[in-house]
Amino acid sequence: MKDTAPVDRALLIEGLGKGLKVIECFSDDHPRLTATEAAALAGLTRTAARRYLVSLVHYGYADTDGKHYWLGPKVLRLGQSYLEASRLPRLVQPFLQRLSMATGETANLSVLDGHEIVYLVRSNSPRVVSIGFHPGARMPAHVVAPGFAILSTFDPDRLDAWIAEHALTRFTPHTIADESAFRAAVGAARRDGFWYASQYLDVGLSGLALPLHDRKGRCVGALSMTFQAAGYPERSALDTLLPALQDAALAIRMVI
C-alpha cells in the first residue's frame, strides 16, 4: 500500500471532489438526507449541496421526494467498475476459492482505504451458513485482523500519522482501544507476519490475516479468514489455518 503522490491542485476539478463527498454522506445512519443535512455532513453550503443532489438525481444516481434525497442502485456501478477493472481481485479469487475449500472457512481479500478495511473479494466456506464480510463491506481497521496485517507494513512515521487520526472505538470488551496496546499489537503483527484478532468487532467471531505482497515486495492488501471463535482458539487457528493462509499468500505473490 503506497501513499498518494502529491498533485498540482491546478489540475484538480474541485467540483468533482465535492460531488463525491456528497455521495459519501449517505450511509446506514443517513440513508436519506435533506439538502441542509447533506451540506452539514459534506462541509458545503446548502445551495451547493442541493445543486449536487439535484445533479445526482438528474444523472440517475439518486432520487428524491422533493425534500429528502437517497442514492439509487445506479451508484453501485461506481464500485462495480473498480472490481471489474482491477486486476487484483480477479487474480486472487481462484486462490481464495481453493483456500476456502481446503479449510472449510471463509476467505477474503481486503485493502485499507483511509481508516477502514474494505473487503473486495470473498470465497464462502462450503457450509450451508457461512460467516464473514461480503464484498464492499467496510470496517474500522482496528477491529479486524486485516487492519493489523496491513498496518504492520507501515514505516514508523506513517503509522504514527495514521494512529493520530484514528478513533480507537471500543466495540466489544475484547477490542484493543488503548493506543499503547494497539501499537504493541501492530508491532507484534510486524514481527510475526500475521495477526489473530479475537472478537474485536463481534463477540463469537475471530479472524486471521497476513499482508499480501506482490513480486516487488509491496503490500497490496491483506489475505484473511473469518471463523467462529469457539471453533478456533488462537493456538488451533495458528496450527490449522495459518499454514494454508501462508501458502495461499505465497502462491498469489507469484502472479501479482
Protein backbone atom coordinates (compact mmCIF):
# COMPACT_ATOMS: atom_id res chain seq x y z
CA MET A 1 0.00 0.00 0.00
CA LYS A 2 1.57 3.26 -1.06
CA ASP A 3 0.83 6.88 -0.27
CA THR A 4 -0.92 9.07 -2.80
CA ALA A 5 1.60 11.15 -4.77
CA PRO A 6 1.29 14.97 -4.50
CA VAL A 7 -0.82 16.52 -7.25
CA ASP A 8 -0.76 20.03 -8.70
CA ARG A 9 -4.04 21.48 -7.38
CA ALA A 10 -4.41 23.43 -10.61
CA LEU A 11 -5.13 20.11 -12.29
CA LEU A 12 -7.92 19.16 -9.89
CA ILE A 13 -11.63 19.53 -10.58
CA GLU A 14 -12.84 20.69 -7.18
CA GLY A 15 -16.49 20.22 -8.11
CA LEU A 16 -15.96 16.52 -8.77
CA GLY A 17 -14.40 16.08 -5.36
CA LYS A 18 -17.28 17.87 -3.66
CA GLY A 19 -19.82 15.79 -5.56
CA LEU A 20 -18.14 12.60 -4.40
CA LYS A 21 -18.21 13.91 -0.82
CA VAL A 22 -21.96 14.31 -1.12
CA ILE A 23 -22.29 10.69 -2.27
CA GLU A 24 -20.17 9.57 0.68
CA CYS A 25 -22.53 11.35 3.10
CA PHE A 26 -25.12 8.62 2.63
CA SER A 27 -24.72 5.68 4.99
CA ASP A 28 -26.59 3.26 7.20
CA ASP A 29 -27.02 6.11 9.70
CA HIS A 30 -28.03 8.58 6.98
CA PRO A 31 -29.92 6.72 4.24
CA ARG A 32 -31.97 9.81 3.36
CA LEU A 33 -30.79 13.39 3.59
CA THR A 34 -32.17 16.86 3.09
CA ALA A 35 -30.00 19.43 1.34
CA THR A 36 -29.32 21.03 4.72
CA GLU A 37 -28.21 17.72 6.25
CA ALA A 38 -26.01 16.85 3.27
CA ALA A 39 -24.42 20.31 3.44
CA ALA A 40 -23.52 19.84 7.09
CA LEU A 41 -22.04 16.39 6.52
CA ALA A 42 -20.09 17.38 3.39
CA GLY A 43 -18.91 20.75 4.68
CA LEU A 44 -20.72 22.67 1.94
CA THR A 45 -23.28 25.45 1.77
CA ARG A 46 -26.89 24.35 1.49
CA THR A 47 -27.11 25.84 -2.00
CA ALA A 48 -24.06 23.93 -3.21
CA ALA A 49 -25.20 20.67 -1.62
CA ARG A 50 -28.62 20.99 -3.21
CA ARG A 51 -27.08 21.53 -6.66
CA TYR A 52 -25.02 18.36 -6.29
CA LEU A 53 -28.02 16.40 -5.08
CA VAL A 54 -30.20 17.63 -7.94
CA SER A 55 -27.42 16.70 -10.37
CA LEU A 56 -27.19 13.19 -8.90
CA VAL A 57 -30.95 12.82 -9.40
CA HIS A 58 -30.71 14.14 -12.96
CA TYR A 59 -27.98 11.65 -13.90
CA GLY A 60 -29.77 8.74 -12.28
CA TYR A 61 -27.55 8.21 -9.25
CA ALA A 62 -30.12 9.41 -6.69
CA ASP A 63 -33.82 10.00 -6.21
CA THR A 64 -35.92 12.47 -4.24
CA ASP A 65 -39.39 13.17 -2.93
CA GLY A 66 -38.79 16.90 -3.18
CA LYS A 67 -37.31 17.25 0.29
CA HIS A 68 -35.23 14.17 1.02
CA TYR A 69 -32.67 12.56 -1.26
CA TRP A 70 -31.41 9.00 -1.37
CA LEU A 71 -28.99 7.06 -3.54
CA GLY A 72 -30.27 4.90 -6.37
CA PRO A 73 -29.00 1.48 -7.48
CA LYS A 74 -27.07 3.07 -10.35
CA VAL A 75 -24.48 4.29 -7.84
CA LEU A 76 -23.39 0.65 -7.44
CA ARG A 77 -21.85 0.94 -10.90
CA LEU A 78 -19.07 3.03 -9.39
CA GLY A 79 -17.91 0.24 -7.11
CA GLN A 80 -18.58 -2.46 -9.69
CA SER A 81 -16.41 -0.62 -12.18
CA TYR A 82 -13.49 -0.88 -9.76
CA LEU A 83 -13.98 -4.61 -9.24
CA GLU A 84 -14.28 -5.24 -12.98
CA ALA A 85 -11.31 -3.05 -13.91
CA SER A 86 -8.97 -4.02 -11.09
CA ARG A 87 -6.62 -6.87 -11.84
CA LEU A 88 -6.01 -7.86 -8.22
CA PRO A 89 -9.48 -9.21 -7.25
CA ARG A 90 -9.70 -11.28 -10.45
CA LEU A 91 -6.30 -12.85 -9.88
CA VAL A 92 -6.88 -13.61 -6.22
CA GLN A 93 -10.38 -15.12 -6.48
CA PRO A 94 -9.31 -18.65 -7.59
CA PHE A 95 -6.78 -18.83 -4.74
CA LEU A 96 -9.44 -17.79 -2.23
CA GLN A 97 -11.76 -20.49 -3.52
CA ARG A 98 -9.12 -23.17 -3.09
CA LEU A 99 -8.24 -21.86 0.37
CA SER A 100 -11.86 -21.90 1.46
CA MET A 101 -12.47 -25.40 0.14
CA ALA A 102 -9.30 -26.72 1.79
CA THR A 103 -10.03 -25.24 5.23
CA GLY A 104 -13.82 -25.08 5.30
CA GLU A 105 -13.71 -21.43 6.32
CA THR A 106 -14.48 -18.11 4.63
CA ALA A 107 -11.51 -16.42 2.92
CA ASN A 108 -11.23 -12.74 1.97
CA LEU A 109 -9.11 -10.21 0.12
CA SER A 110 -9.23 -6.70 1.54
CA VAL A 111 -7.46 -3.36 1.30
CA LEU A 112 -7.05 -0.33 3.52
CA ASP A 113 -9.00 2.76 2.46
CA GLY A 114 -8.03 5.55 4.83
CA HIS A 115 -9.09 4.26 8.22
CA GLU A 116 -11.32 1.45 7.03
CA ILE A 117 -10.74 -2.04 5.72
CA VAL A 118 -12.70 -2.65 2.53
CA TYR A 119 -13.44 -6.26 1.63
CA LEU A 120 -13.07 -6.77 -2.12
CA VAL A 121 -13.43 -10.50 -2.75
CA ARG A 122 -14.82 -13.32 -0.66
CA SER A 123 -14.99 -17.07 -1.05
CA ASN A 124 -17.62 -18.66 1.16
CA SER A 125 -16.99 -21.75 3.22
CA PRO A 126 -18.58 -24.98 1.97
CA ARG A 127 -21.05 -24.86 4.87
CA VAL A 128 -24.71 -24.08 4.34
CA VAL A 129 -24.34 -20.98 6.52
CA SER A 130 -21.12 -19.02 6.09
CA ILE A 131 -19.83 -16.09 8.10
CA GLY A 132 -17.64 -13.13 7.34
CA PHE A 133 -17.76 -9.92 5.35
CA HIS A 134 -19.35 -9.51 1.95
CA PRO A 135 -17.58 -7.67 -0.90
CA GLY A 136 -17.94 -3.95 -0.36
CA ALA A 137 -18.18 -4.20 3.43
CA ARG A 138 -16.18 -1.56 5.30
CA MET A 139 -14.92 -1.98 8.85
CA PRO A 140 -12.77 0.20 11.14
CA ALA A 141 -9.21 -1.05 10.64
CA HIS A 142 -8.52 -1.54 14.35
CA VAL A 143 -11.25 -4.15 14.85
CA VAL A 144 -10.44 -6.65 12.08
CA ALA A 145 -7.32 -8.75 11.50
CA PRO A 146 -6.54 -7.32 8.03
CA GLY A 147 -6.14 -3.88 9.58
CA PHE A 148 -3.28 -5.06 11.78
CA ALA A 149 -1.74 -7.03 8.91
CA ILE A 150 -1.65 -4.04 6.56
CA LEU A 151 -0.64 -1.51 9.21
CA SER A 152 2.27 -3.76 10.16
CA THR A 153 3.85 -2.87 6.80
CA PHE A 154 3.77 0.90 7.51
CA ASP A 155 7.00 2.70 8.38
CA PRO A 156 7.04 4.36 11.86
CA ASP A 157 6.22 7.88 10.66
CA ARG A 158 3.32 6.73 8.53
CA LEU A 159 1.95 4.59 11.34
CA ASP A 160 2.23 7.50 13.81
CA ALA A 161 0.28 9.74 11.45
CA TRP A 162 -2.37 7.08 10.92
CA ILE A 163 -2.88 6.42 14.63
CA ALA A 164 -3.02 10.15 15.41
CA GLU A 165 -6.06 10.49 13.12
CA HIS A 166 -7.81 7.25 14.04
CA ALA A 167 -10.50 6.77 16.69
CA LEU A 168 -9.86 3.56 18.61
CA THR A 169 -13.55 2.99 19.31
CA ARG A 170 -14.45 0.03 21.51
CA PHE A 171 -16.96 -2.43 20.01
CA THR A 172 -16.64 -5.35 22.43
CA PRO A 173 -14.76 -5.98 25.69
CA HIS A 174 -12.02 -7.53 23.52
CA THR A 175 -11.45 -4.50 21.26
CA ILE A 176 -7.96 -3.02 21.52
CA ALA A 177 -8.91 0.57 22.30
CA ASP A 178 -5.75 1.70 24.12
CA GLU A 179 -3.14 3.40 21.92
CA SER A 180 -0.14 1.78 23.59
CA ALA A 181 -1.69 -1.67 23.37
CA PHE A 182 -2.65 -1.04 19.75
CA ARG A 183 0.90 -0.03 18.83
CA ALA A 184 2.21 -3.14 20.57
CA ALA A 185 -0.24 -5.31 18.63
CA VAL A 186 0.79 -3.81 15.29
CA GLY A 187 4.42 -4.34 16.26
CA ALA A 188 3.70 -7.99 17.06
CA ALA A 189 1.95 -8.38 13.69
CA ARG A 190 5.06 -6.93 12.02
CA ARG A 191 7.32 -9.33 13.90
CA ASP A 192 5.21 -12.44 13.28
CA GLY A 193 3.95 -11.64 9.79
CA PHE A 194 0.27 -12.20 10.67
CA TRP A 195 -2.41 -11.24 13.18
CA TYR A 196 -5.11 -13.20 15.02
CA ALA A 197 -7.99 -10.92 16.06
CA SER A 198 -10.25 -12.46 18.68
CA GLN A 199 -13.75 -10.97 18.94
CA TYR A 200 -12.68 -7.34 18.44
CA LEU A 201 -15.82 -6.46 16.45
CA ASP A 202 -18.37 -9.15 17.26
CA VAL A 203 -18.40 -11.48 20.24
CA GLY A 204 -18.06 -15.01 18.90
CA LEU A 205 -16.17 -14.16 15.71
CA SER A 206 -12.41 -14.16 15.18
CA GLY A 207 -10.13 -13.58 12.22
CA LEU A 208 -6.66 -14.38 10.97
CA ALA A 209 -4.84 -12.22 8.41
CA LEU A 210 -1.47 -11.57 6.85
CA PRO A 211 -0.26 -8.86 4.48
CA LEU A 212 -0.37 -9.73 0.79
CA HIS A 213 2.76 -8.67 -1.12
CA ASP A 214 3.40 -8.54 -4.84
CA ARG A 215 6.57 -9.78 -6.54
CA LYS A 216 8.30 -6.49 -5.78
CA GLY A 217 7.59 -6.82 -2.08
CA ARG A 218 4.92 -4.11 -1.94
CA CYS A 219 1.90 -4.66 0.28
CA VAL A 220 -1.20 -4.63 -1.91
CA GLY A 221 -3.75 -5.72 0.68
CA ALA A 222 -4.45 -8.49 3.15
CA LEU A 223 -5.45 -12.12 2.88
CA SER A 224 -7.69 -13.22 5.72
CA MET A 225 -10.09 -15.78 7.10
CA THR A 226 -13.11 -15.29 9.37
CA PHE A 227 -14.40 -18.04 11.67
CA GLN A 228 -16.22 -18.89 14.87
CA ALA A 229 -14.03 -18.08 17.88
CA ALA A 230 -15.20 -21.18 19.72
CA GLY A 231 -14.16 -23.41 16.83
CA TYR A 232 -10.67 -21.95 16.52
CA PRO A 233 -9.00 -20.68 19.67
CA GLU A 234 -5.75 -18.92 18.82
CA ARG A 235 -3.47 -21.97 19.06
CA SER A 236 -5.82 -24.06 16.95
CA ALA A 237 -6.14 -21.30 14.32
CA LEU A 238 -2.37 -20.90 14.06
CA ASP A 239 -1.78 -24.64 13.80
CA THR A 240 -4.62 -25.40 11.38
CA LEU A 241 -5.40 -22.28 9.33
CA LEU A 242 -2.23 -20.20 9.26
CA PRO A 243 -0.13 -22.62 7.15
CA ALA A 244 -2.84 -22.74 4.47
CA LEU A 245 -3.16 -18.95 4.55
CA GLN A 246 0.61 -18.53 4.19
CA ASP A 247 0.75 -20.99 1.30
CA ALA A 248 -2.03 -19.12 -0.49
CA ALA A 249 -0.30 -15.76 0.01
CA LEU A 250 2.97 -17.16 -1.36
CA ALA A 251 1.21 -18.60 -4.41
CA ILE A 252 -0.63 -15.33 -5.06
CA ARG A 253 2.61 -13.36 -4.78
CA MET A 254 3.96 -15.26 -7.79
CA VAL A 255 1.20 -13.93 -10.06
CA ILE A 256 0.72 -10.33 -8.94
